[in-house]
C-alpha atoms as a PDB file:
ATOM      1  CA  UNK A   1      98.894 123.463  92.854  1.00  0.00           C
ATOM      2  CA  UNK A   2     100.696 120.751  94.703  1.00  0.00           C
ATOM      3  CA  UNK A   3      99.027 117.693  96.300  1.00  0.00           C
ATOM      4  CA  UNK A   4     100.246 115.432  99.039  1.00  0.00           C
ATOM      5  CA  UNK A   5      99.163 111.851  98.511  1.00  0.00           C
ATOM      6  CA  UNK A   6      99.174 109.338 101.425  1.00  0.00           C
ATOM      7  CA  UNK A   7      99.546 106.448 102.108  1.00  0.00           C
ATOM      8  CA  UNK A   8     100.384 105.726  98.450  1.00  0.00           C
ATOM      9  CA  UNK A   9     101.079 107.782  95.362  1.00  0.00           C
ATOM     10  CA  UNK A  10      99.228 107.451  92.004  1.00  0.00           C
ATOM     11  CA  UNK A  11     102.290 106.751  89.897  1.00  0.00           C
ATOM     12  CA  UNK A  12     100.890 104.637  87.078  1.00  0.00           C
ATOM     13  CA  UNK A  13      99.834 106.089  83.756  1.00  0.00           C
ATOM     14  CA  UNK A  14      96.580 104.160  83.727  1.00  0.00           C
ATOM     15  CA  UNK A  15      95.179 106.048  86.779  1.00  0.00           C
ATOM     16  CA  UNK A  16      92.839 108.718  85.500  1.00  0.00           C
ATOM     17  CA  UNK A  17      94.098 111.018  88.211  1.00  0.00           C
ATOM     18  CA  UNK A  18      97.558 111.010  86.615  1.00  0.00           C
ATOM     19  CA  UNK A  19      96.153 112.233  83.313  1.00  0.00           C
ATOM     20  CA  UNK A  20      94.035 114.890  85.019  1.00  0.00           C
ATOM     21  CA  UNK A  21      97.047 116.218  86.993  1.00  0.00           C
ATOM     22  CA  UNK A  22      99.124 116.381  83.802  1.00  0.00           C
ATOM     23  CA  UNK A  23      96.349 118.268  82.038  1.00  0.00           C
ATOM     24  CA  UNK A  24      95.890 120.795  84.882  1.00  0.00           C
ATOM     25  CA  UNK A  25      99.684 121.062  85.387  1.00  0.00           C
ATOM     26  CA  UNK A  26      99.326 120.002  89.062  1.00  0.00           C
ATOM     27  CA  UNK A  27     102.237 118.395  90.891  1.00  0.00           C
ATOM     28  CA  UNK A  28     102.326 115.816  93.634  1.00  0.00           C
ATOM     29  CA  UNK A  29     104.445 114.732  96.565  1.00  0.00           C
ATOM     30  CA  UNK A  30     104.668 111.693  98.852  1.00  0.00           C
ATOM     31  CA  UNK A  31     106.365 113.530 101.666  1.00  0.00           C
ATOM     32  CA  UNK A  32     104.411 115.559 104.311  1.00  0.00           C
ATOM     33  CA  UNK A  33     107.691 117.537 104.817  1.00  0.00           C
ATOM     34  CA  UNK A  34     107.354 119.004 101.362  1.00  0.00           C
ATOM     35  CA  UNK A  35     105.463 122.177 100.654  1.00  0.00           C
ATOM     36  CA  UNK A  36     101.928 121.388  99.359  1.00  0.00           C
ATOM     37  CA  UNK A  37      98.537 122.938  99.121  1.00  0.00           C
ATOM     38  CA  UNK A  38      96.087 120.107  99.629  1.00  0.00           C
ATOM     39  CA  UNK A  39      96.380 116.485 100.845  1.00  0.00           C
ATOM     40  CA  UNK A  40      94.578 113.520  99.430  1.00  0.00           C
ATOM     41  CA  UNK A  41      94.001 110.037 100.890  1.00  0.00           C
ATOM     42  CA  UNK A  42      95.166 107.675  98.059  1.00  0.00           C
ATOM     43  CA  UNK A  43      95.549 103.909  97.895  1.00  0.00           C
ATOM     44  CA  UNK A  44      94.632 101.526  95.132  1.00  0.00           C
ATOM     45  CA  UNK A  45      92.159  99.608  97.269  1.00  0.00           C
ATOM     46  CA  UNK A  46      88.431  99.363  97.913  1.00  0.00           C
ATOM     47  CA  UNK A  47      88.678 100.250 101.591  1.00  0.00           C
ATOM     48  CA  UNK A  48      91.492 102.458 102.989  1.00  0.00           C
ATOM     49  CA  UNK A  49      92.334 103.292 106.504  1.00  0.00           C
ATOM     50  CA  UNK A  50      93.795 106.734 106.745  1.00  0.00           C
ATOM     51  CA  UNK A  51      97.345 106.737 108.138  1.00  0.00           C
ATOM     52  CA  UNK A  52      97.799 108.670 111.458  1.00  0.00           C
ATOM     53  CA  UNK A  53     100.099 111.126 109.759  1.00  0.00           C
ATOM     54  CA  UNK A  54      97.242 112.249 107.423  1.00  0.00           C
ATOM     55  CA  UNK A  55      95.102 113.058 110.459  1.00  0.00           C
ATOM     56  CA  UNK A  56      98.015 115.149 111.776  1.00  0.00           C
ATOM     57  CA  UNK A  57      98.216 116.984 108.420  1.00  0.00           C
ATOM     58  CA  UNK A  58      94.444 117.618 108.558  1.00  0.00           C
ATOM     59  CA  UNK A  59      94.987 119.820 111.628  1.00  0.00           C
ATOM     60  CA  UNK A  60      96.701 122.442 109.590  1.00  0.00           C
ATOM     61  CA  UNK A  61      95.957 121.754 105.891  1.00  0.00           C
ATOM     62  CA  UNK A  62      92.915 120.685 103.910  1.00  0.00           C
ATOM     63  CA  UNK A  63      92.528 116.959 103.227  1.00  0.00           C
ATOM     64  CA  UNK A  64      89.984 116.371 100.478  1.00  0.00           C
ATOM     65  CA  UNK A  65      88.693 112.917 101.369  1.00  0.00           C
ATOM     66  CA  UNK A  66      89.732 112.096 104.847  1.00  0.00           C
ATOM     67  CA  UNK A  67      86.250 111.202 106.121  1.00  0.00           C
END
């Protein structure tokens, strides 16, 4: 399974999500032009404003935590 992460990408080893993805053999991308199964709103912040492109993605693909 491949995930799209926007507006940022969890690229640090200390993020639990990185370890979970490695364990499950999931892959990730930062580009909405790549082929992916599910999108995920990700930013290392307490409050995140979804980028407009993620709302566009949500019209055709599932986004796990947009709202």
